[in-house]
């Protein structure tokens, strides 16, 4: 299997697509300069206590307060608070965590009012981003994640991932980390650390501890609420979790993020940084790798997958519901039971892909086609369990119920990916009134003339629908060539699959959109 990562960096949004054998399996979209990001650490203030929920609302510096439950304080919350008070009371004195006193763990069955007070300053980390009407979920048990290790301050344990099966390797890693880790830090050894040398692990451990020390320096010179640690670039953090030797290419259309990712790959996989490539093609990067077309076909309510069979995916406030339909597959089949198992097995593969792709979390209920034989039901359960082995999110799958329903719970950290694949009316763009379509090229030419003669633009690109682009580029003496000869050779015409049929956008040489909208324009 060939894995590829494609990063589309736009002024307002960064989109990251993971391809396996050219098929889209994961898609992440993140608004640039977004308020919340999982992994960010804040020096915050307690805003309100909720004894009934045994929780508190925390001010982290934004309009919507964050939520912190008592169980998310962490067992060593008292040790962390004592260390924080020492810093706040004497900012000039350097505090070292290695010399800090570790206090007894807090009572697991305690009350939030016994530990927190309104106005109290605490250290918290975003565990879940805002979902629907809920604010972000916090934890006070801070952690710093790397490629091989996760470091947790104010504790003194070493844990090894249960996915490392070799007892000898587990013992080696545990002994190794015990010998190099600083005092009062816990370390979780990730699966990717299997077989790694001490020099690689020691280097990453020092980098993660340094991040903690950087947080401490910010606390001493600032006041709450403020962010004291920001998670790395989304492209880098995603790569940190999913990178494996099967990656053959990482394509990025932004120079700064390209440099960050290349530097990170050089760090975690010396000699492999040549797989990171800067995309400089004229087509939008997602169009070039056929991702736009896949997005528009895979994020619809109805998803077809094999021989006419299809899924219907619905989202409610409480859960996601998926209905499996055979479509016209039953025609000419050898039998109802065989059709059911064939359609269900193919559906299981597509559902496993859709869960990763849409990042669906919480409760997922799947209505498979009824099967009479228990062996087939067990076969389906085993098949979907195997299909979801590559899913990095924690999940639990229950066997089919007597009603033919399968229940899956899947870890939800971010809101489910919801991509609107509908397009506005290609004639009126939602206004109900349109200009004659035969005059569309005349409208484009008028815009080009205005850019050249009035706005003095010498180099710019015109993005139009691929069908329109094919029309203006056809023939021995196409319209595009006529416009270049008449107005400017700096004009480039780019087919863009994200645009409606009669929609257009102009961009300057810095790829900033030029607003050419006028009253009465159909766009």
Protein backbone atom coordinates (compact mmCIF):
# COMPACT_ATOMS: atom_id res chain seq x y z
CA UNK A 1 0.00 0.00 0.00
CA UNK A 2 1.31 3.43 -0.98
CA UNK A 3 0.46 6.27 1.44
CA UNK A 4 0.64 9.92 0.45
CA UNK A 5 -0.08 13.16 2.28
CA UNK A 6 -1.37 16.21 0.40
CA UNK A 7 -1.52 19.58 2.18
CA UNK A 8 -3.55 22.43 0.69
CA UNK A 9 -2.70 25.73 2.39
CA UNK A 10 -5.13 28.59 1.76
CA UNK A 11 -5.22 32.04 3.42
CA UNK A 12 -8.12 31.09 5.71
CA UNK A 13 -7.88 27.30 5.92
CA UNK A 14 -5.45 24.39 5.83
CA UNK A 15 -6.74 21.09 4.39
CA UNK A 16 -4.84 17.83 4.76
CA UNK A 17 -5.69 14.71 2.78
CA UNK A 18 -4.28 11.22 3.36
CA UNK A 19 -4.29 8.93 0.33
CA UNK A 20 -3.82 5.18 0.34
CA UNK A 21 -3.24 3.81 -3.16
CA UNK A 22 -4.66 7.11 -4.49
CA UNK A 23 -7.90 6.65 -2.51
CA UNK A 24 -8.86 9.34 -0.01
CA UNK A 25 -9.06 7.86 3.52
CA UNK A 26 -8.60 10.87 5.83
CA UNK A 27 -9.40 14.55 5.48
CA UNK A 28 -8.65 17.27 8.01
CA UNK A 29 -9.66 20.89 7.65
CA UNK A 30 -8.53 23.52 10.10
CA UNK A 31 -9.27 27.23 10.10
CA UNK A 32 -6.05 29.19 10.40
CA UNK A 33 -5.68 31.18 13.65
CA UNK A 34 -8.53 29.17 15.17
CA UNK A 35 -9.15 29.85 18.87
CA UNK A 36 -8.89 26.29 20.13
CA UNK A 37 -6.53 23.48 19.22
CA UNK A 38 -6.18 20.11 20.90
CA UNK A 39 -2.89 20.01 22.79
CA UNK A 40 -2.66 23.73 23.55
CA UNK A 41 -1.79 24.52 27.18
CA UNK A 42 -3.14 27.56 29.05
CA UNK A 43 -2.55 29.40 32.26
CA UNK A 44 -6.24 29.86 33.07
CA UNK A 45 -8.63 31.00 35.79
CA UNK A 46 -11.53 29.21 37.43
CA UNK A 47 -14.66 31.07 36.35
CA UNK A 48 -17.50 29.07 37.91
CA UNK A 49 -17.91 25.92 40.02
CA UNK A 50 -20.68 23.43 39.23
CA UNK A 51 -20.99 21.11 42.29
CA UNK A 52 -23.93 19.25 40.72
CA UNK A 53 -21.73 18.22 37.78
CA UNK A 54 -18.61 17.98 39.96
CA UNK A 55 -16.95 20.24 37.40
CA UNK A 56 -15.89 23.81 36.74
CA UNK A 57 -15.99 26.31 33.90
CA UNK A 58 -12.56 27.71 33.13
CA UNK A 59 -11.61 31.02 31.49
CA UNK A 60 -8.88 30.36 28.94
CA UNK A 61 -9.14 33.77 27.28
CA UNK A 62 -12.00 33.30 24.81
CA UNK A 63 -15.71 34.09 24.73
CA UNK A 64 -16.84 30.55 25.50
CA UNK A 65 -15.61 29.13 28.81
CA UNK A 66 -14.07 25.66 28.77
CA UNK A 67 -15.25 22.65 30.80
CA UNK A 68 -13.10 20.81 33.37
CA UNK A 69 -14.45 17.76 35.23
CA UNK A 70 -13.06 16.64 38.57
CA UNK A 71 -11.91 13.34 37.06
CA UNK A 72 -9.84 15.29 34.51
CA UNK A 73 -7.78 17.08 37.17
CA UNK A 74 -5.31 14.19 37.22
CA UNK A 75 -4.04 12.36 40.33
CA UNK A 76 -1.11 14.75 40.86
CA UNK A 77 -3.08 17.99 40.63
CA UNK A 78 -2.02 19.10 44.13
CA UNK A 79 1.68 18.76 43.20
CA UNK A 80 1.15 20.80 40.05
CA UNK A 81 -0.73 23.52 41.97
CA UNK A 82 1.97 23.81 44.63
CA UNK A 83 4.63 24.20 41.93
CA UNK A 84 2.50 26.82 40.11
CA UNK A 85 2.01 28.84 43.32
CA UNK A 86 5.77 28.94 43.88
CA UNK A 87 6.27 30.40 40.41
CA UNK A 88 3.46 32.95 40.75
CA UNK A 89 4.59 34.06 44.23
CA UNK A 90 8.23 34.54 43.19
CA UNK A 91 8.47 34.93 39.37
CA UNK A 92 12.17 35.86 39.47
CA UNK A 93 13.25 32.68 41.21
CA UNK A 94 13.86 29.75 38.88
CA UNK A 95 11.81 26.69 39.85
CA UNK A 96 12.99 23.23 38.84
CA UNK A 97 10.48 20.42 38.61
CA UNK A 98 13.15 17.90 39.55
CA UNK A 99 13.36 19.50 43.01
CA UNK A 100 9.59 19.88 43.41
CA UNK A 101 7.81 18.02 46.18
CA UNK A 102 5.34 15.41 44.91
CA UNK A 103 2.27 15.48 47.17
CA UNK A 104 -0.18 12.58 47.76
CA UNK A 105 -2.66 11.96 44.95
CA UNK A 106 -6.09 13.59 45.15
CA UNK A 107 -9.10 11.57 46.28
CA UNK A 108 -10.73 9.85 43.27
CA UNK A 109 -14.18 10.35 44.80
CA UNK A 110 -13.58 13.94 45.91
CA UNK A 111 -15.59 17.08 45.13
CA UNK A 112 -14.54 19.90 42.80
CA UNK A 113 -15.23 22.52 45.51
CA UNK A 114 -12.61 20.86 47.76
CA UNK A 115 -9.86 21.44 45.19
CA UNK A 116 -10.76 24.57 43.21
CA UNK A 117 -11.90 28.07 44.10
CA UNK A 118 -13.33 30.82 41.89
CA UNK A 119 -10.50 33.01 40.59
CA UNK A 120 -7.84 30.35 41.17
CA UNK A 121 -5.12 30.11 38.52
CA UNK A 122 -4.46 26.66 37.09
CA UNK A 123 -2.67 24.96 34.20
CA UNK A 124 -4.95 23.20 31.72
CA UNK A 125 -4.72 21.57 28.30
CA UNK A 126 -7.34 21.28 25.53
CA UNK A 127 -8.45 17.63 25.36
CA UNK A 128 -11.43 18.07 22.99
CA UNK A 129 -12.32 20.95 20.73
CA UNK A 130 -15.78 22.59 20.93
CA UNK A 131 -18.43 20.23 19.53
CA UNK A 132 -21.90 21.53 18.61
CA UNK A 133 -23.02 23.79 21.48
CA UNK A 134 -20.45 22.43 23.92
CA UNK A 135 -17.29 24.33 24.81
CA UNK A 136 -13.83 22.74 24.73
CA UNK A 137 -13.09 19.95 27.18
CA UNK A 138 -10.02 20.42 29.38
CA UNK A 139 -7.62 18.28 31.35
CA UNK A 140 -5.24 19.43 34.07
CA UNK A 141 -2.97 16.41 33.53
CA UNK A 142 -0.59 18.00 31.03
CA UNK A 143 1.19 15.97 28.37
CA UNK A 144 3.72 16.66 25.61
CA UNK A 145 3.52 14.23 22.71
CA UNK A 146 6.33 13.33 20.37
CA UNK A 147 6.83 10.72 17.69
CA UNK A 148 8.08 8.05 20.09
CA UNK A 149 7.29 9.33 23.58
CA UNK A 150 4.68 11.21 25.61
CA UNK A 151 5.97 13.15 28.62
CA UNK A 152 3.75 13.96 31.64
CA UNK A 153 5.07 16.29 34.39
CA UNK A 154 4.51 15.74 38.14
CA UNK A 155 4.61 11.97 38.06
CA UNK A 156 7.37 9.37 38.01
CA UNK A 157 6.31 6.33 35.99
CA UNK A 158 7.26 4.62 32.74
CA UNK A 159 4.57 2.90 30.65
CA UNK A 160 5.00 1.02 27.39
CA UNK A 161 2.35 0.78 24.67
CA UNK A 162 0.37 -2.47 24.89
CA UNK A 163 0.67 -2.80 21.10
CA UNK A 164 4.34 -3.72 21.57
CA UNK A 165 3.89 -7.47 22.09
CA UNK A 166 7.48 -8.60 22.62
CA UNK A 167 8.16 -8.95 26.35
CA UNK A 168 11.88 -8.57 25.76
CA UNK A 169 11.42 -5.31 23.81
CA UNK A 170 9.01 -3.92 26.41
CA UNK A 171 11.54 -4.62 29.17
CA UNK A 172 14.36 -3.03 27.12
CA UNK A 173 12.39 0.15 26.46
CA UNK A 174 11.21 0.48 30.06
CA UNK A 175 14.71 0.04 31.45
CA UNK A 176 16.16 2.41 28.86
CA UNK A 177 13.67 5.21 29.61
CA UNK A 178 14.08 4.73 33.37
CA UNK A 179 17.80 5.37 32.97
CA UNK A 180 17.52 8.61 30.95
CA UNK A 181 14.30 10.33 32.07
CA UNK A 182 14.46 13.35 34.42
CA UNK A 183 13.01 13.16 37.91
CA UNK A 184 9.29 13.92 38.38
CA UNK A 185 8.39 13.15 34.77
CA UNK A 186 6.31 10.19 33.62
CA UNK A 187 6.95 8.81 30.15
CA UNK A 188 4.63 6.80 27.91
CA UNK A 189 6.52 4.85 25.25
CA UNK A 190 4.55 4.83 21.98
CA UNK A 191 4.31 1.92 19.56
CA UNK A 192 6.55 3.66 17.04
CA UNK A 193 9.45 3.51 19.55
CA UNK A 194 9.79 -0.25 19.04
CA UNK A 195 13.33 -1.08 17.97
CA UNK A 196 14.60 2.52 18.29
CA UNK A 197 18.06 3.31 19.63
CA UNK A 198 18.73 5.14 22.86
CA UNK A 199 20.13 8.20 21.03
CA UNK A 200 16.84 8.76 19.14
CA UNK A 201 14.70 8.38 22.25
CA UNK A 202 17.00 10.51 24.39
CA UNK A 203 16.96 13.30 21.80
CA UNK A 204 13.16 13.39 21.66
CA UNK A 205 12.86 13.21 25.43
CA UNK A 206 15.06 16.30 25.78
CA UNK A 207 13.00 18.17 23.19
CA UNK A 208 9.74 17.38 25.05
CA UNK A 209 11.17 18.37 28.43
CA UNK A 210 12.39 21.61 26.87
CA UNK A 211 8.81 22.39 25.80
CA UNK A 212 7.75 22.11 29.45
CA UNK A 213 10.55 24.47 30.53
CA UNK A 214 9.45 26.96 27.87
CA UNK A 215 5.93 26.90 29.36
CA UNK A 216 7.34 27.65 32.81
CA UNK A 217 9.27 30.66 31.50
CA UNK A 218 6.06 32.12 30.03
CA UNK A 219 4.16 31.67 33.31
CA UNK A 220 6.77 33.70 35.18
CA UNK A 221 6.41 36.70 32.88
CA UNK A 222 2.67 36.80 32.08
CA UNK A 223 -0.74 36.79 33.71
CA UNK A 224 -3.72 34.49 33.22
CA UNK A 225 -5.51 33.78 31.00
CA UNK A 226 -2.98 33.10 28.25
CA UNK A 227 -1.74 30.29 26.03
CA UNK A 228 1.68 29.07 27.14
CA UNK A 229 2.11 26.22 24.65
CA UNK A 230 0.69 25.86 21.16
CA UNK A 231 0.51 22.57 19.33
CA UNK A 232 2.70 22.31 16.24
CA UNK A 233 1.44 22.98 12.72
CA UNK A 234 -1.56 20.78 11.98
CA UNK A 235 0.32 19.16 9.11
CA UNK A 236 3.23 18.37 11.44
CA UNK A 237 1.06 17.05 14.29
CA UNK A 238 -0.94 14.82 11.93
CA UNK A 239 2.27 13.54 10.38
CA UNK A 240 3.65 12.82 13.86
CA UNK A 241 0.78 10.41 14.53
CA UNK A 242 0.49 8.66 11.17
CA UNK A 243 3.97 8.68 9.65
CA UNK A 244 5.25 5.24 8.68
CA UNK A 245 7.77 3.85 6.19
CA UNK A 246 5.01 3.32 3.58
CA UNK A 247 4.80 7.08 2.98
CA UNK A 248 6.31 7.74 -0.42
CA UNK A 249 5.29 11.36 -1.01
CA UNK A 250 4.20 14.39 0.99
CA UNK A 251 3.03 17.24 -1.24
CA UNK A 252 2.63 20.79 0.14
CA UNK A 253 1.74 23.99 -1.73
CA UNK A 254 3.10 26.44 0.87
CA UNK A 255 6.83 27.15 1.32
CA UNK A 256 6.81 27.83 5.08
CA UNK A 257 4.81 24.69 5.99
CA UNK A 258 6.89 22.73 3.47
CA UNK A 259 10.04 23.75 5.37
CA UNK A 260 8.47 22.86 8.76
CA UNK A 261 7.36 19.43 7.60
CA UNK A 262 10.66 18.69 5.85
CA UNK A 263 12.57 19.64 9.00
CA UNK A 264 10.34 17.40 11.10
CA UNK A 265 10.72 14.42 8.74
CA UNK A 266 14.49 14.94 8.79
CA UNK A 267 14.30 14.77 12.60
CA UNK A 268 12.19 11.59 12.92
CA UNK A 269 13.43 9.77 9.81
CA UNK A 270 16.94 10.89 8.82
CA UNK A 271 17.53 10.59 5.11
CA UNK A 272 13.81 10.43 4.27
CA UNK A 273 13.14 14.18 4.03
CA UNK A 274 13.32 13.95 0.22
CA UNK A 275 9.77 12.52 0.23
CA UNK A 276 8.51 16.02 1.13
CA UNK A 277 7.89 17.94 -2.07
CA UNK A 278 6.84 21.53 -2.71
CA UNK A 279 3.94 21.57 -5.16
CA UNK A 280 4.22 24.46 -7.61
CA UNK A 281 1.79 23.37 -10.33
CA UNK A 282 -0.78 25.71 -11.86
CA UNK A 283 -3.79 23.52 -10.99
CA UNK A 284 -5.15 23.67 -7.42
CA UNK A 285 -3.28 20.95 -5.52
CA UNK A 286 -6.43 18.96 -4.62
CA UNK A 287 -7.57 19.03 -8.25
CA UNK A 288 -4.19 17.81 -9.42
CA UNK A 289 -4.35 14.72 -7.19
CA UNK A 290 -8.05 14.02 -7.94
CA UNK A 291 -8.99 14.76 -4.32
CA UNK A 292 -11.68 17.36 -5.05
CA UNK A 293 -13.69 14.86 -7.09
CA UNK A 294 -13.40 12.23 -4.34
CA UNK A 295 -14.53 14.73 -1.70
CA UNK A 296 -17.64 15.60 -3.69
CA UNK A 297 -18.55 11.94 -4.16
CA UNK A 298 -17.70 10.67 -0.66
CA UNK A 299 -19.22 13.35 1.58
CA UNK A 300 -22.75 13.16 0.27
CA UNK A 301 -25.66 11.80 2.28
CA UNK A 302 -25.84 8.88 -0.17
CA UNK A 303 -22.54 7.10 -0.88
CA UNK A 304 -22.35 4.43 -3.60
CA UNK A 305 -19.62 1.87 -3.19
CA UNK A 306 -19.92 -1.36 -5.24
CA UNK A 307 -22.13 -2.79 -7.98
CA UNK A 308 -24.96 -0.32 -7.31
CA UNK A 309 -25.04 -0.81 -3.53
CA UNK A 310 -25.02 2.34 -1.43
CA UNK A 311 -24.97 3.78 2.09
CA UNK A 312 -27.20 6.48 3.55
CA UNK A 313 -25.42 8.39 6.32
CA UNK A 314 -27.39 10.59 8.71
CA UNK A 315 -26.20 12.57 11.72
CA UNK A 316 -28.41 13.36 14.69
CA UNK A 317 -27.64 15.18 17.93
CA UNK A 318 -27.06 11.88 19.75
CA UNK A 319 -25.51 9.57 17.14
CA UNK A 320 -24.65 8.78 13.52
CA UNK A 321 -26.92 6.35 11.67
CA UNK A 322 -25.81 4.38 8.59
CA UNK A 323 -28.23 2.37 6.45
CA UNK A 324 -26.87 -0.27 4.05
CA UNK A 325 -28.82 -0.80 0.82
CA UNK A 326 -28.22 -3.34 -1.93
CA UNK A 327 -29.60 -1.07 -4.68
CA UNK A 328 -29.79 -2.96 -7.97
CA UNK A 329 -27.19 -5.50 -6.79
CA UNK A 330 -29.92 -8.09 -6.10
CA UNK A 331 -30.74 -8.38 -9.80
CA UNK A 332 -29.25 -11.53 -11.24
CA UNK A 333 -27.76 -12.66 -7.93
CA UNK A 334 -27.49 -16.29 -6.86
CA UNK A 335 -29.56 -15.94 -3.72
CA UNK A 336 -30.79 -13.51 -1.09
CA UNK A 337 -28.42 -14.71 1.65
CA UNK A 338 -25.36 -14.58 -0.63
CA UNK A 339 -26.34 -11.10 -1.85
CA UNK A 340 -26.72 -9.93 1.75
CA UNK A 341 -23.29 -11.13 2.87
CA UNK A 342 -21.57 -9.79 -0.27
CA UNK A 343 -23.16 -6.34 0.08
CA UNK A 344 -22.54 -6.22 3.84
CA UNK A 345 -18.85 -7.14 3.57
CA UNK A 346 -18.28 -4.47 0.92
CA UNK A 347 -20.26 -2.01 3.06
CA UNK A 348 -18.03 -2.79 6.06
CA UNK A 349 -14.95 -1.71 4.10
CA UNK A 350 -16.60 1.52 2.96
CA UNK A 351 -17.95 2.27 6.46
CA UNK A 352 -14.47 1.84 7.99
CA UNK A 353 -13.21 4.30 5.39
CA UNK A 354 -16.07 6.76 6.01
CA UNK A 355 -15.51 6.78 9.78
CA UNK A 356 -11.89 7.82 9.27
CA UNK A 357 -12.68 10.18 6.43
CA UNK A 358 -15.47 12.09 8.20
CA UNK A 359 -13.84 11.62 11.62
CA UNK A 360 -17.20 10.46 12.96
CA UNK A 361 -17.28 10.00 16.73
CA UNK A 362 -19.61 9.05 19.55
CA UNK A 363 -22.19 6.36 18.85
CA UNK A 364 -22.55 4.95 15.31
CA UNK A 365 -25.46 2.60 14.57
CA UNK A 366 -25.33 0.59 11.34
CA UNK A 367 -28.37 -1.13 9.84
CA UNK A 368 -26.90 -3.94 7.74
CA UNK A 369 -28.98 -6.11 5.41
CA UNK A 370 -30.53 -8.97 7.40
CA UNK A 371 -28.72 -12.31 7.26
CA UNK A 372 -30.24 -15.60 8.38
CA UNK A 373 -27.04 -17.56 9.06
CA UNK A 374 -25.14 -16.89 12.30
CA UNK A 375 -21.85 -17.79 10.58
CA UNK A 376 -22.37 -14.90 8.15
CA UNK A 377 -23.10 -12.51 11.02
CA UNK A 378 -19.87 -13.54 12.74
CA UNK A 379 -17.99 -13.22 9.44
CA UNK A 380 -19.26 -9.65 9.06
CA UNK A 381 -18.23 -8.75 12.63
CA UNK A 382 -14.72 -10.15 12.06
CA UNK A 383 -14.45 -8.36 8.72
CA UNK A 384 -15.32 -4.87 10.03
CA UNK A 385 -13.06 -5.41 13.05
CA UNK A 386 -10.15 -6.09 10.71
CA UNK A 387 -11.12 -3.21 8.40
CA UNK A 388 -10.90 -0.79 11.33
CA UNK A 389 -7.48 -1.96 12.54
CA UNK A 390 -5.82 1.02 10.83
CA UNK A 391 -8.15 3.50 12.54
CA UNK A 392 -6.05 5.48 15.03
CA UNK A 393 -9.09 6.65 17.03
CA UNK A 394 -10.07 4.44 19.97
CA UNK A 395 -13.17 2.43 19.09
CA UNK A 396 -15.32 -0.43 20.31
CA UNK A 397 -17.42 -2.66 18.04
CA UNK A 398 -20.35 -4.79 19.23
CA UNK A 399 -21.62 -7.85 17.35
CA UNK A 400 -24.85 -7.64 15.37
CA UNK A 401 -27.98 -7.49 17.51
CA UNK A 402 -31.00 -9.70 16.84
CA UNK A 403 -32.44 -6.80 14.83
CA UNK A 404 -29.41 -6.78 12.50
CA UNK A 405 -27.94 -3.58 13.98
CA UNK A 406 -24.28 -3.05 14.76
CA UNK A 407 -23.18 -0.48 17.33
CA UNK A 408 -19.78 1.20 17.25
CA UNK A 409 -18.39 3.76 19.67
CA UNK A 410 -15.51 5.83 18.34
CA UNK A 411 -13.38 8.40 20.12
CA UNK A 412 -14.53 11.93 19.40
CA UNK A 413 -11.88 14.62 19.84
CA UNK A 414 -12.94 17.05 17.11
CA UNK A 415 -16.29 17.78 15.47
CA UNK A 416 -17.19 15.29 12.73
CA UNK A 417 -15.99 16.38 9.31
CA UNK A 418 -18.93 17.86 7.42
CA UNK A 419 -18.21 18.95 3.87
CA UNK A 420 -20.99 20.59 1.87
CA UNK A 421 -20.81 19.00 -1.58
CA UNK A 422 -23.79 20.87 -3.01
CA UNK A 423 -23.23 23.64 -5.55
CA UNK A 424 -25.23 26.78 -6.11
CA UNK A 425 -27.38 26.97 -9.22
CA UNK A 426 -24.96 27.31 -12.15
CA UNK A 427 -27.32 29.72 -13.90
CA UNK A 428 -28.52 32.19 -11.27
CA UNK A 429 -26.28 31.42 -8.25
CA UNK A 430 -29.27 31.48 -5.94
CA UNK A 431 -30.60 34.87 -7.00
CA UNK A 432 -33.39 33.59 -9.26
CA UNK A 433 -32.22 35.96 -12.00
CA UNK A 434 -29.40 35.33 -14.47
CA UNK A 435 -27.66 37.05 -17.32
CA UNK A 436 -27.64 35.25 -20.68
CA UNK A 437 -25.09 32.41 -20.41
CA UNK A 438 -23.98 33.00 -24.00
CA UNK A 439 -22.56 36.32 -22.80
CA UNK A 440 -20.47 34.71 -20.04
CA UNK A 441 -17.19 34.95 -21.97
CA UNK A 442 -17.95 38.61 -22.71
CA UNK A 443 -18.34 39.18 -18.94
CA UNK A 444 -14.97 37.55 -18.32
CA UNK A 445 -13.32 39.68 -21.00
CA UNK A 446 -14.78 42.85 -19.46
CA UNK A 447 -13.35 41.86 -16.07
CA UNK A 448 -9.93 41.20 -17.61
CA UNK A 449 -10.02 44.57 -19.39
CA UNK A 450 -10.86 46.32 -16.12
CA UNK A 451 -8.01 44.60 -14.30
CA UNK A 452 -5.51 45.63 -16.99
CA UNK A 453 -6.63 49.14 -17.85
CA UNK A 454 -8.13 50.46 -14.61
CA UNK A 455 -6.41 48.48 -11.86
CA UNK A 456 -3.06 48.20 -13.71
CA UNK A 457 -2.67 44.51 -12.94
CA UNK A 458 0.00 42.84 -15.09
CA UNK A 459 0.02 39.29 -13.73
CA UNK A 460 -3.06 37.47 -12.48
CA UNK A 461 -4.90 34.15 -12.78
CA UNK A 462 -8.51 33.47 -13.71
CA UNK A 463 -10.09 30.39 -12.08
CA UNK A 464 -13.10 28.97 -13.91
CA UNK A 465 -14.99 25.68 -14.10
CA UNK A 466 -13.08 22.98 -16.09
CA UNK A 467 -15.82 22.83 -18.76
CA UNK A 468 -15.61 26.60 -19.32
CA UNK A 469 -11.80 26.40 -19.33
CA UNK A 470 -11.98 23.73 -22.02
CA UNK A 471 -14.23 26.03 -24.09
CA UNK A 472 -11.97 29.11 -23.87
CA UNK A 473 -8.89 27.00 -24.67
CA UNK A 474 -10.31 25.11 -27.67
CA UNK A 475 -9.27 25.62 -31.29
CA UNK A 476 -6.15 26.87 -33.07
CA UNK A 477 -6.84 30.47 -32.05
CA UNK A 478 -8.66 30.08 -28.70
CA UNK A 479 -10.28 32.83 -26.67
CA UNK A 480 -7.58 32.50 -24.00
CA UNK A 481 -4.86 33.30 -26.56
CA UNK A 482 -6.90 36.21 -27.93
CA UNK A 483 -7.21 37.68 -24.44
CA UNK A 484 -3.47 37.31 -23.80
CA UNK A 485 -2.54 39.00 -27.07
CA UNK A 486 -5.12 41.75 -26.63
CA UNK A 487 -4.62 42.52 -22.92
CA UNK A 488 -1.73 40.80 -21.12
CA UNK A 489 0.54 37.80 -21.47
CA UNK A 490 0.56 37.68 -17.66
CA UNK A 491 -2.93 36.15 -17.69
CA UNK A 492 -3.21 32.49 -16.66
CA UNK A 493 -6.41 30.48 -16.89
CA UNK A 494 -6.82 27.70 -14.29
CA UNK A 495 -9.60 25.08 -14.33
CA UNK A 496 -10.95 24.77 -10.78
CA UNK A 497 -13.28 21.92 -9.82
CA UNK A 498 -14.53 23.74 -6.72
CA UNK A 499 -16.28 26.43 -8.77
CA UNK A 500 -19.83 26.40 -10.12
CA UNK A 501 -20.40 26.18 -13.86
CA UNK A 502 -20.61 29.96 -14.44
CA UNK A 503 -18.55 31.02 -11.43
CA UNK A 504 -15.14 32.68 -11.64
CA UNK A 505 -12.45 34.06 -9.37
CA UNK A 506 -9.42 36.25 -10.02
CA UNK A 507 -6.16 35.98 -8.05
CA UNK A 508 -3.13 38.27 -8.07
CA UNK A 509 0.50 37.13 -8.34
CA UNK A 510 0.58 36.50 -4.55
CA UNK A 511 -2.45 34.19 -4.85
CA UNK A 512 -4.67 36.68 -3.04
CA UNK A 513 -8.23 36.82 -4.37
CA UNK A 514 -9.19 40.01 -6.23
CA UNK A 515 -12.74 41.11 -5.51
CA UNK A 516 -14.34 41.74 -8.90
CA UNK A 517 -17.92 41.50 -7.68
CA UNK A 518 -20.29 44.22 -8.84
CA UNK A 519 -23.96 44.83 -8.23
CA UNK A 520 -26.00 42.52 -10.41
CA UNK A 521 -23.22 39.98 -10.91
CA UNK A 522 -24.37 36.37 -10.79
CA UNK A 523 -21.79 35.06 -8.40
